[in-house]
Protein backbone atom coordinates (compact mmCIF):
# COMPACT_ATOMS: atom_id res chain seq x y z
CA MET A 1 151.21 122.32 95.14
CA ILE A 2 147.33 123.52 95.64
CA ASN A 3 147.35 121.19 99.03
CA TYR A 4 150.22 123.21 100.13
CA PHE A 5 149.95 126.59 98.81
CA GLN A 6 146.30 127.28 98.79
CA PRO A 7 146.40 130.44 96.41
CA VAL A 8 144.19 131.99 95.65
CA CYS A 9 144.58 132.13 91.63
CA ILE A 10 146.81 129.52 89.47
CA GLY A 11 147.87 130.88 85.82
CA LEU A 12 148.61 127.94 83.64
CA GLN A 13 150.42 128.10 80.17
CA GLU A 14 150.54 125.42 77.68
CA THR A 15 147.77 123.65 78.90
CA PHE A 16 147.05 121.41 75.70
CA LEU A 17 143.85 121.27 76.73
CA THR A 18 141.06 120.74 73.94
CA SER A 19 136.93 121.53 74.12
CA ASN A 20 136.27 117.92 75.15
CA ILE A 21 138.11 117.82 77.99
CA PRO A 22 137.31 118.79 80.65
CA LEU A 23 139.62 120.70 83.84
CA LYS A 24 137.65 120.72 87.28
CA ILE A 25 139.85 121.09 90.34
CA ARG A 26 137.89 121.12 93.56
CA GLY A 27 137.25 124.70 95.27
CA TYR A 28 138.83 126.22 91.88
CA ASN A 29 136.64 128.15 89.32
CA SER A 30 138.43 127.40 85.61
CA VAL A 31 139.04 130.39 82.80
CA ARG A 32 141.17 129.07 79.90
CA LYS A 33 141.32 129.55 76.20
CA ASP A 34 142.23 126.59 74.41
CA ALA A 35 144.90 126.62 71.74
CA ALA A 36 143.52 125.91 67.98
CA THR A 37 143.24 122.65 66.97
CA GLY A 38 144.79 120.58 64.09
CA ALA A 39 148.39 120.29 63.27
CA SER A 40 150.22 123.33 65.31
CA HIS A 41 148.15 122.50 67.93
CA SER A 42 149.82 123.90 71.38
CA GLY A 43 149.09 126.10 74.15
CA GLY A 44 146.59 127.30 75.93
CA VAL A 45 145.97 129.00 78.59
CA CYS A 46 144.48 128.93 82.31
CA ILE A 47 143.19 130.99 85.32
CA LEU A 48 141.90 129.16 88.36
CA THR A 49 140.52 131.08 90.80
CA SER A 50 139.44 129.95 94.82
CA ASN A 51 136.05 130.03 95.93
CA LEU A 52 136.98 131.40 99.47
CA TYR A 53 138.22 134.69 97.39
CA PRO A 54 135.16 136.66 95.54
CA SER A 55 135.89 136.68 91.37
CA SER A 56 135.10 137.29 87.83
CA PRO A 57 136.14 136.48 84.31
CA LEU A 58 136.75 139.92 81.56
CA THR A 59 136.58 139.12 78.56
CA LEU A 60 138.99 140.07 76.04
CA HIS A 61 139.30 140.95 72.98
CA THR A 62 142.65 139.65 71.77
CA SER A 63 143.82 137.05 68.77
CA LEU A 64 146.77 136.37 71.90
CA GLN A 65 146.59 132.60 73.75
CA ALA A 66 145.37 135.03 77.24
CA VAL A 67 142.84 134.98 79.21
CA ALA A 68 142.26 137.18 82.84
CA VAL A 69 140.33 137.65 86.30
CA GLN A 70 139.51 139.99 88.31
CA VAL A 71 139.63 138.79 91.84
CA HIS A 72 139.71 140.20 95.33
CA ALA A 73 142.26 139.24 97.80
CA ARG A 74 143.12 142.01 100.06
CA THR A 75 142.26 144.46 97.04
CA LEU A 76 139.82 143.67 93.71
CA VAL A 77 143.49 142.35 91.66
CA THR A 78 142.85 141.88 87.89
CA VAL A 79 145.21 138.55 87.08
CA CYS A 80 146.02 137.82 83.24
CA SER A 81 147.64 134.02 82.24
CA VAL A 82 148.94 134.60 78.88
CA TYR A 83 151.41 132.21 76.16
CA LEU A 84 153.40 133.83 73.85
CA PRO A 85 154.69 130.74 71.51
CA PRO A 86 158.02 130.83 70.89
CA HIS A 87 157.77 130.95 66.95
CA ASP A 88 155.08 133.28 66.55
CA VAL A 89 155.70 136.51 65.07
CA ILE A 90 153.53 139.28 67.39
CA ASP A 91 153.04 143.10 66.43
CA HIS A 92 154.12 145.12 69.51
CA HIS A 93 150.31 146.55 68.49
CA VAL A 94 148.38 143.10 69.94
CA LEU A 95 150.96 143.27 73.17
CA ASP A 96 149.76 146.85 73.87
CA ASN A 97 146.23 146.22 73.60
CA LEU A 98 146.17 143.55 75.80
CA ILE A 99 147.73 145.75 78.49
CA ASP A 100 144.92 148.41 78.03
CA GLN A 101 142.75 146.27 78.58
CA LEU A 102 143.46 145.18 82.27
CA PRO A 103 142.14 147.42 84.78
CA ALA A 104 144.81 147.89 87.15
CA PRO A 105 145.85 147.04 89.41
CA PHE A 106 147.36 143.83 87.57
CA LEU A 107 149.04 141.12 87.42
CA LEU A 108 150.28 139.76 83.87
CA MET A 109 151.73 136.40 84.68
CA GLY A 110 153.09 134.34 81.26
CA ASP A 111 155.46 132.06 79.53
CA PHE A 112 156.87 134.77 76.96
CA ASN A 113 159.56 132.19 75.63
CA GLY A 114 161.81 135.55 75.47
CA HIS A 115 165.43 136.05 76.68
CA SER A 116 166.82 138.81 77.79
CA THR A 117 169.62 139.46 80.33
CA LEU A 118 167.33 141.78 82.46
CA TRP A 119 165.93 138.47 83.57
CA GLY A 120 168.82 136.46 83.94
CA SER A 121 169.10 134.87 80.41
CA ASP A 122 172.90 134.99 78.81
CA VAL A 123 172.19 136.63 75.68
CA THR A 124 168.80 138.42 74.76
CA ASN A 125 166.96 138.05 71.63
CA SER A 126 164.35 139.51 69.73
CA ARG A 127 161.24 138.51 72.01
CA GLY A 128 163.18 139.28 75.10
CA ARG A 129 163.46 143.46 72.96
CA GLN A 130 159.79 143.20 72.60
CA ILE A 131 158.82 142.13 76.39
CA GLU A 132 161.32 144.99 77.27
CA GLN A 133 159.85 147.72 75.46
CA LEU A 134 156.31 146.21 76.59
CA ILE A 135 157.64 147.16 80.09
CA SER A 136 159.05 150.28 79.24
CA ASN A 137 156.02 151.92 77.86
CA ASN A 138 153.76 150.60 79.97
CA CYS A 139 155.26 152.17 82.94
CA LEU A 140 155.10 148.32 84.56
CA CYS A 141 157.47 146.79 86.77
CA LEU A 142 159.18 143.13 86.56
CA LEU A 143 158.86 140.77 89.58
CA ASN A 144 161.69 138.34 88.62
CA ASN A 145 165.13 138.37 89.95
CA ASP A 146 167.60 135.95 88.08
CA GLU A 147 166.68 132.87 89.27
CA LYS A 148 165.70 130.19 86.03
CA THR A 149 162.55 129.23 85.83
CA TYR A 150 162.47 127.15 83.09
CA PHE A 151 164.49 123.21 82.23
CA HIS A 152 165.40 122.11 78.72
CA GLU A 153 166.28 118.35 79.71
CA PRO A 154 167.78 117.42 75.93
CA THR A 155 170.64 120.12 76.86
CA ARG A 156 170.30 120.10 80.38
CA THR A 157 170.62 123.77 80.62
CA PHE A 158 168.59 126.25 82.71
CA HIS A 159 166.83 129.59 81.39
CA SER A 160 164.20 131.98 81.89
CA LEU A 161 161.18 132.13 80.11
CA ASP A 162 158.11 132.76 82.61
CA LEU A 163 157.63 136.16 83.70
CA PRO A 164 155.30 137.73 86.41
CA ILE A 165 155.25 141.27 85.15
CA CYS A 166 152.95 144.08 87.00
CA SER A 167 151.44 147.15 87.94
CA PRO A 168 153.56 149.73 89.51
CA THR A 169 151.55 149.70 92.96
CA LEU A 170 151.54 145.93 93.26
CA LEU A 171 155.74 145.90 92.97
CA PRO A 172 156.02 146.58 96.90
CA LEU A 173 153.22 144.80 98.20
CA LEU A 174 154.42 141.32 96.54
CA HIS A 175 157.05 138.85 96.76
CA PHE A 176 158.89 136.67 93.84
CA THR A 177 159.83 133.18 94.48
CA ILE A 178 160.61 130.04 92.28
CA GLY A 179 159.49 126.86 93.43
CA SER A 180 161.82 123.97 94.28
CA ASP A 181 160.43 120.98 92.43
CA LEU A 182 159.25 120.35 88.57
CA CYS A 183 155.96 119.10 89.24
CA ASN A 184 156.58 116.25 86.28
CA SER A 185 156.98 119.57 84.11
CA ASP A 186 159.54 121.48 82.69
CA HIS A 187 158.72 124.93 84.46
CA LEU A 188 159.45 125.35 87.82
CA PRO A 189 156.45 127.15 89.28
CA ILE A 190 156.43 130.86 89.90
CA ILE A 191 155.23 131.54 93.88
CA VAL A 192 153.81 135.46 93.54
CA SER A 193 152.55 136.27 97.50
CA TYR A 194 151.75 138.96 99.55
CA ALA A 195 155.08 140.15 100.71
CA ASP A 196 153.89 140.13 104.78
CA SER A 197 152.27 136.92 104.43
CA GLY A 198 152.37 134.06 106.46
CA GLY A 199 153.07 130.36 106.00
CA ASN A 200 150.74 127.67 104.90
CA SER A 201 149.55 124.83 106.51
CA VAL A 202 150.35 121.57 105.01
CA ASP A 203 148.05 118.61 104.13
CA ARG A 204 149.78 115.71 102.82
CA GLY A 205 148.46 112.30 102.33
CA GLY A 206 149.47 108.96 101.72
CA ILE A 207 152.72 108.02 103.95
CA LYS A 208 154.78 106.24 100.65
CA LEU A 209 153.49 108.76 98.21
CA VAL A 210 155.35 111.36 100.22
CA ALA A 211 158.07 110.19 100.41
CA THR A 212 158.76 109.42 96.97
CA VAL A 213 157.43 113.08 96.53
CA ALA A 214 160.48 114.10 98.84
CA GLY A 215 163.15 111.77 96.75
CA ARG A 216 162.24 113.08 93.59
CA LYS A 217 162.96 116.30 95.50
CA ARG A 218 165.68 115.36 96.76
CA ASN A 219 167.75 114.46 93.53
CA TRP A 220 166.58 117.53 91.64
CA ASN A 221 168.39 119.52 94.15
CA ILE A 222 171.14 117.23 93.89
CA PHE A 223 171.18 117.73 89.68
CA LYS A 224 170.46 121.63 89.98
CA ARG A 225 173.69 122.10 91.76
CA TYR A 226 175.60 119.41 90.05
CA PRO A 227 173.93 118.81 86.91
CA THR A 228 176.66 115.68 85.92
CA THR A 229 174.99 112.85 84.31
CA GLU A 230 174.79 110.35 86.68
CA ASN A 231 172.53 113.25 89.28
CA HIS A 232 170.74 113.23 85.54
CA VAL A 233 169.97 109.52 86.09
CA ALA A 234 168.93 109.56 89.62
CA PHE A 235 166.68 112.24 89.41
CA LYS A 236 164.74 110.42 86.49
CA ARG A 237 164.41 107.11 88.09
CA ALA A 238 163.02 108.91 90.99
CA LYS A 239 161.19 110.64 89.73
CA ALA A 240 159.18 107.38 87.67
CA VAL A 241 159.53 105.91 91.02
CA ALA A 242 157.11 108.99 92.15
CA ARG A 243 155.24 108.41 89.51
CA ARG A 244 154.16 104.80 89.51
CA ILE A 245 153.56 104.96 92.99
CA ARG A 246 150.92 107.93 92.67
CA ARG A 247 149.55 105.53 90.20
CA ARG A 248 149.04 102.99 92.03
CA SER A 249 147.53 104.70 94.30
CA GLN A 250 145.05 106.06 92.66
CA ARG A 251 143.97 102.27 91.76
CA GLU A 252 144.00 101.45 95.25
CA SER A 253 141.91 104.40 95.86
CA TRP A 254 139.13 103.32 93.26
CA ILE A 255 139.49 99.71 94.59
CA ASN A 256 138.50 100.85 97.68
CA LEU A 257 135.15 103.04 96.79
CA VAL A 258 134.24 100.56 94.56
CA SER A 259 134.97 97.55 97.58
CA SER A 260 132.88 99.93 99.64
CA ILE A 261 129.23 99.56 98.04
CA ALA A 262 127.50 96.78 98.84
CA SER A 263 123.93 95.66 98.42
CA SER A 264 123.28 97.18 101.49
CA THR A 265 124.05 101.28 100.16
CA SER A 266 121.20 103.21 99.89
CA SER A 267 120.65 104.79 96.57
CA LYS A 268 121.49 107.68 98.04
CA GLN A 269 124.90 107.06 99.35
CA LEU A 270 125.62 104.93 95.66
CA TRP A 271 124.30 108.36 94.02
CA LYS A 272 127.02 110.08 96.39
CA LYS A 273 129.46 107.54 95.28
CA VAL A 274 129.35 107.66 91.92
CA LYS A 275 129.48 111.44 91.95
CA ALA A 276 132.56 111.69 93.82
CA ALA A 277 134.24 109.46 91.62
CA ASN A 278 133.01 111.34 88.54
CA GLY A 279 134.48 115.03 90.03
CA ILE A 280 130.38 115.57 90.55
CA TYR A 281 130.10 117.79 93.30
CA ARG A 282 128.04 121.36 94.06
CA GLU A 283 130.66 124.10 95.50
CA PHE A 284 129.78 127.93 96.38
CA SER A 285 132.45 130.75 94.90
CA ILE A 286 132.14 133.43 95.94
CA PRO A 287 130.53 136.24 93.31
CA ILE A 288 131.38 139.97 92.92
CA LEU A 289 127.95 141.63 92.94
CA ASN A 290 126.99 144.60 90.76
CA THR A 291 123.65 146.36 91.56
CA GLY A 292 122.63 149.54 91.26
CA ASN A 293 125.09 151.19 94.24
CA GLY A 294 128.01 150.27 92.01
CA THR A 295 130.19 146.90 91.95
CA HIS A 296 131.01 144.58 95.53
CA SER A 297 133.57 142.86 95.14
CA ALA A 298 135.05 142.94 98.98
CA PRO A 299 133.48 139.25 100.80
CA LEU A 300 132.22 141.21 103.54
CA ASP A 301 130.12 144.13 101.31
CA ILE A 302 129.04 141.08 99.61
CA ALA A 303 127.15 139.04 102.11
CA ASN A 304 126.18 142.71 103.77
CA THR A 305 124.54 143.30 100.07
CA LEU A 306 122.90 139.76 99.86
CA GLY A 307 121.91 140.21 103.18
CA ARG A 308 119.82 143.33 102.17
CA ALA A 309 118.63 141.52 99.33
CA PHE A 310 117.08 138.70 101.13
CA ALA A 311 115.46 140.90 103.67
CA ARG A 312 113.84 142.70 101.09
CA VAL A 313 112.20 139.78 99.72
CA SER A 314 110.37 138.69 102.94
CA ALA A 315 109.22 142.46 104.24
CA THR A 316 106.15 143.72 104.39
CA ASP A 317 106.94 146.20 101.24
CA SER A 318 107.32 143.11 99.05
CA TYR A 319 103.76 142.19 99.61
CA SER A 320 100.54 144.01 97.02
CA PRO A 321 98.70 146.89 98.79
CA ASP A 322 95.70 144.92 98.64
CA PHE A 323 97.14 142.29 100.38
CA VAL A 324 98.78 144.89 103.54
CA ALA A 325 95.39 145.99 104.25
CA ILE A 326 94.09 142.20 105.05
CA LYS A 327 97.18 141.13 107.09
CA ASN A 328 97.34 144.61 108.78
CA ARG A 329 93.67 144.10 109.70
CA ALA A 330 93.31 140.88 110.48
CA GLU A 331 96.63 141.13 112.96
CA ARG A 332 94.74 143.38 114.98
CA THR A 333 93.08 140.50 116.40
CA PRO A 334 95.79 139.29 119.05
CA LEU A 335 95.88 134.99 119.45
CA ARG A 336 95.56 133.75 122.75
CA PHE A 337 96.87 129.88 122.23
CA THR A 338 96.78 129.56 126.72
CA ALA A 339 94.15 126.92 127.66
CA ARG A 340 93.32 125.72 131.38
CA SER A 341 92.76 121.96 129.81
CA THR A 342 95.34 119.59 129.39
CA HIS A 343 95.67 118.24 125.62
CA PRO A 344 97.73 115.27 124.91
CA TYR A 345 99.63 117.14 122.76
CA ASN A 346 101.04 119.44 125.18
CA SER A 347 102.32 116.56 127.59
CA GLU A 348 106.27 116.50 127.99
CA PHE A 349 107.92 114.45 125.96
CA MET A 350 109.09 111.18 126.23
CA MET A 351 113.39 109.61 125.83
CA PHE A 352 111.94 107.33 122.96
CA GLU A 353 110.35 110.77 121.11
CA LEU A 354 114.12 112.33 121.47
CA LYS A 355 115.47 108.81 120.06
CA THR A 356 113.64 108.64 117.52
CA ALA A 357 114.09 112.45 116.21
CA LEU A 358 118.00 112.10 117.05
CA SER A 359 118.04 108.62 114.54
CA ARG A 360 116.06 110.97 111.43
CA ALA A 361 118.78 113.12 111.23
CA HIS A 362 121.45 113.22 108.94
CA ASP A 363 124.67 115.21 109.59
CA THR A 364 124.66 118.36 108.41
CA SER A 365 125.86 121.60 108.81
CA PRO A 366 125.76 122.85 111.71
CA GLY A 367 124.24 126.26 112.71
CA PRO A 368 125.39 129.14 115.04
CA ASP A 369 126.49 127.22 118.03
CA GLY A 370 128.50 124.42 116.15
CA ILE A 371 126.90 121.50 117.91
CA THR A 372 126.49 118.86 115.16
CA TYR A 373 124.40 115.94 114.78
CA ASN A 374 127.07 113.64 115.42
CA MET A 375 127.68 114.85 118.59
CA LEU A 376 124.15 114.56 119.78
CA SER A 377 124.26 110.92 117.46
CA HIS A 378 127.27 110.31 120.15
CA LEU A 379 125.69 111.19 123.95
CA ASN A 380 125.24 108.25 126.02
CA THR A 381 121.97 107.90 127.86
CA THR A 382 123.07 110.14 130.64
CA SER A 383 123.62 113.20 128.51
CA LEU A 384 120.63 112.47 126.78
CA SER A 385 118.42 112.43 129.85
CA HIS A 386 119.80 116.00 130.47
CA LEU A 387 118.79 117.52 126.70
CA LEU A 388 115.25 115.90 127.55
CA ILE A 389 114.94 117.70 130.92
CA LEU A 390 116.19 120.94 128.31
CA PHE A 391 114.14 120.45 125.59
CA ASN A 392 110.44 119.58 128.36
CA ARG A 393 111.93 122.68 130.50
CA ILE A 394 111.37 125.22 127.28
CA TRP A 395 108.16 123.14 126.47
CA ILE A 396 106.32 123.98 130.13
CA GLU A 397 107.85 127.15 130.63
CA GLN A 398 107.43 128.60 127.11
CA LYS A 399 110.82 130.34 126.68
CA TYR A 400 112.57 129.97 123.72
CA PRO A 401 116.12 130.22 123.41
CA SER A 402 117.25 133.65 121.77
CA GLN A 403 119.89 131.90 119.84
CA TRP A 404 117.57 129.43 118.13
CA HIS A 405 115.51 132.42 116.81
CA GLU A 406 119.45 133.44 114.26
CA ALA A 407 120.11 131.44 111.17
CA ILE A 408 123.21 131.13 109.09
CA VAL A 409 122.56 131.97 105.88
CA ILE A 410 124.31 130.46 103.04
CA PRO A 411 123.01 131.41 99.39
CA ILE A 412 122.98 129.20 96.45
CA LEU A 413 122.84 130.61 93.24
CA LYS A 414 119.93 129.04 90.57
CA PRO A 415 120.96 127.48 87.89
CA GLY A 416 121.25 129.38 84.43
CA LYS A 417 121.06 132.81 86.19
CA ASP A 418 123.89 135.91 86.50
CA PRO A 419 126.02 135.68 89.35
CA SER A 420 126.43 139.02 89.69
CA ASN A 421 122.87 139.23 90.73
CA PRO A 422 122.00 139.26 94.44
CA LEU A 423 117.96 137.82 93.44
CA HIS A 424 119.56 135.27 91.17
CA TYR A 425 120.88 133.21 94.90
CA ARG A 426 118.57 130.98 97.22
CA PRO A 427 119.39 131.09 100.88
CA ILE A 428 119.88 128.30 102.79
CA ALA A 429 119.57 128.91 105.82
CA LEU A 430 121.92 126.32 109.01
CA THR A 431 119.92 126.53 112.34
CA SER A 432 120.53 124.93 115.36
CA CYS A 433 120.77 121.54 115.16
CA LEU A 434 119.65 121.40 118.94
CA CYS A 435 117.01 123.41 117.99
CA LYS A 436 116.25 121.18 115.03
CA THR A 437 116.01 117.82 116.89
CA PHE A 438 113.27 119.81 119.16
CA GLU A 439 111.31 120.79 116.02
CA ARG A 440 111.48 117.28 114.60
CA MET A 441 109.92 116.06 117.73
CA VAL A 442 107.18 118.70 117.64
CA ASN A 443 106.17 118.64 114.33
CA ALA A 444 105.45 114.94 114.87
CA ARG A 445 102.84 115.69 117.60
CA LEU A 446 101.79 118.65 115.15
CA ILE A 447 101.55 116.02 112.21
CA PHE A 448 99.48 113.49 113.88
CA GLU A 449 97.00 115.87 115.25
CA LEU A 450 96.22 117.09 111.82
CA GLU A 451 96.30 114.13 110.83
CA LYS A 452 94.06 112.93 113.37
CA GLN A 453 91.54 115.96 113.33
CA GLY A 454 91.33 115.53 109.64
CA CYS A 455 92.67 119.35 108.93
CA ILE A 456 94.62 118.67 105.52
CA PRO A 457 92.55 118.37 102.70
CA PRO A 458 92.72 114.98 101.33
CA LEU A 459 94.06 115.42 97.80
CA GLN A 460 97.64 117.15 99.44
CA SER A 461 99.92 114.95 99.23
CA GLY A 462 103.15 116.94 100.10
CA PHE A 463 104.68 117.00 103.42
CA ARG A 464 102.45 114.02 104.19
CA ARG A 465 103.80 110.43 105.04
CA GLY A 466 103.63 107.89 102.65
CA ARG A 467 102.53 110.27 100.35
CA SER A 468 104.55 111.73 97.58
CA THR A 469 103.68 114.23 94.76
CA PHE A 470 103.47 111.03 92.11
CA ASP A 471 100.30 110.55 93.89
CA ASN A 472 98.86 113.83 92.40
CA LEU A 473 100.49 112.73 88.63
CA VAL A 474 98.74 109.72 89.20
CA LEU A 475 95.11 111.08 90.13
CA LEU A 476 96.01 113.85 86.78
CA GLU A 477 96.24 110.51 84.95
CA THR A 478 93.34 109.54 85.46
CA GLN A 479 91.07 112.37 85.03
CA ILE A 480 92.72 113.15 81.50
CA ARG A 481 92.10 108.84 80.09
CA ASN A 482 88.87 109.04 81.60
CA SER A 483 88.01 112.28 79.73
CA PHE A 484 89.22 110.49 76.56
CA VAL A 485 87.09 107.84 77.00
CA ARG A 486 83.90 109.74 77.69
CA ARG A 487 85.22 112.68 75.09
CA ASN A 488 84.72 115.05 77.83
CA HIS A 489 86.80 118.13 78.31
CA LEU A 490 89.42 118.40 81.50
CA VAL A 491 91.12 121.89 82.46
CA SER A 492 93.73 121.62 84.51
CA ILE A 493 95.66 124.58 86.30
CA PHE A 494 99.14 124.89 86.86
CA PHE A 495 100.55 127.82 88.74
CA ASP A 496 103.68 128.60 90.87
CA ILE A 497 103.66 130.66 94.36
CA GLU A 498 107.60 132.73 93.90
CA LYS A 499 109.20 133.34 96.93
CA ALA A 500 106.39 131.16 99.14
CA TYR A 501 108.67 129.76 101.61
CA ASP A 502 109.96 133.26 101.99
CA ARG A 503 106.90 135.30 102.13
CA ALA A 504 104.27 133.01 103.90
CA TRP A 505 102.73 135.05 106.57
CA ARG A 506 103.34 133.69 110.20
CA TYR A 507 99.62 135.41 111.19
CA GLY A 508 97.87 133.42 109.10
CA ILE A 509 99.89 129.76 110.17
CA LEU A 510 99.44 130.77 113.72
CA SER A 511 95.48 131.48 112.68
CA ALA A 512 95.24 128.54 110.77
CA LEU A 513 96.66 126.23 113.95
CA PHE A 514 93.84 128.46 116.62
CA ASN A 515 91.00 127.94 114.33
CA PHE A 516 91.17 124.34 114.30
CA GLY A 517 91.69 124.34 118.20
CA PHE A 518 95.35 123.82 118.95
CA ARG A 519 95.87 125.34 122.33
CA GLY A 520 98.41 125.14 125.18
CA ASN A 521 102.67 124.24 124.56
CA LEU A 522 102.63 123.89 121.37
CA PRO A 523 101.27 127.08 119.25
CA ILE A 524 102.74 128.69 121.67
CA PHE A 525 105.98 126.51 120.61
CA LEU A 526 105.34 127.61 117.33
CA LYS A 527 104.58 131.11 117.36
CA ASN A 528 108.28 131.26 119.23
CA PHE A 529 109.32 129.72 116.96
CA LEU A 530 108.22 132.29 114.22
CA SER A 531 108.96 135.20 115.95
CA TYR A 532 112.16 137.69 115.89
CA ARG A 533 113.61 135.93 113.58
CA THR A 534 117.10 136.86 112.75
CA PHE A 535 119.98 136.09 109.83
CA ARG A 536 123.68 136.38 108.77
CA VAL A 537 124.83 135.74 105.14
CA ARG A 538 127.67 133.35 105.43
CA VAL A 539 130.54 134.47 102.72
CA GLY A 540 133.55 132.42 102.72
CA ASN A 541 134.57 132.85 105.97
CA PHE A 542 133.65 136.51 106.56
CA TYR A 543 129.60 136.88 108.49
CA SER A 544 127.12 140.08 106.97
CA ASN A 545 125.19 142.58 110.23
CA HIS A 546 121.86 140.74 111.43
CA PHE A 547 119.11 141.26 109.26
CA ILE A 548 115.56 140.53 110.74
CA GLN A 549 113.58 138.60 108.36
CA ALA A 550 110.04 140.47 108.83
């Protein structure tokens, strides 16, 4: 159902979940309230919100089984899921208090366990009259028609227990339908959509499974029209077959996953498969941001808010006044990297350098041009030759493609941080894979020259081939042990530079290369690479304005 409808929000009642049972559906965040454990354990409610739409949970102060979120589809809407057990006595003040806590406009979805002729029941009971009074007192609108939403299998009867109730402003915008498939439940799904929304794409995997599900639906529709014993038995038989095929497909999928692991499988691929089997994956959900200028819930507004926050981090205003004075004084001196003599690192690139760079690339997300590493790795020899000619023209003519200056930034929430604060996101930049391939070729020459000339301090381990930060840890441990043996004191300083990468001084980097004696194509390429950088923030399918990375 999720693949078919791709809903913005899913309201669930009678989840029967406990705190030790996780609920994780890829692409969705969950807000839940589990029923109290014990002999009378029943109920439980949950709301799932799509990661493609900004949302934030609401705190409800109520004894009812209810949860609520605010989600921005076209506008900011409050969605609440509630379950009222059939035998509980609920005071009308408790229901009124729940309504008062929901910011308008809102959609209240629930299994109310109430019967009323207002929504298609044959009789009206006390719970039904209570819900009628709730709707009347709060000027609410009921979306139901006379279609049934619940199938009571022991008596083979249909009832209307599930009600979507909304604010008056939402009534002309929404369309109400009942799903035709029970989906292994006794409640039919209720679909509330915008009245002018189009169809949804269908993603149906597994031919056998689709066929059996179609058979179950077909038998259900026959039984629904003609509720005879024979049709009921046929429906239950088709339901059992669909369940059996689904379980078999799950077993086969697990066997295929385990069989794909061999002695040649790298540790990275192995852990990727283990995490996939355990449902562990990293996702980004669009937040609702709070700043000094108010609340930002529209995706485009969120993207621009994050873009402004990222741009401020690297702006000159973020530096201390003392450093700004040093920076301004130093940058008055231009760096001239032109050279008459030919250095080996300035020569044209060879085919083996291009192939080496491509072999070390991983199939990551593409940049603004949409070209992936997978495309580049499948180029034939002729195409690779043309690509090498392009790279050498950029290198020799000392020009830089303007599109390579642009990056698409994906905001990733830092662990344990407040998602409503724009400063709590780490920007992940997606640049052109063509550019990154060329960067890898240039970087190989740069590292070789830096190592050959002894420009890198011998104690530096990071970003060096054949070295790692463990080398520094081993060295520190050795110094500690020697101090113990010699009964000496040892002082060690650990520090972390905040926003070090974002605030790196570009002129300072180029000045260091100039002082190392680099001249010609290589430093000029790096100078062009570091100049005039811009970025756009992508939030879901929305892109921010262009921002300058100072």
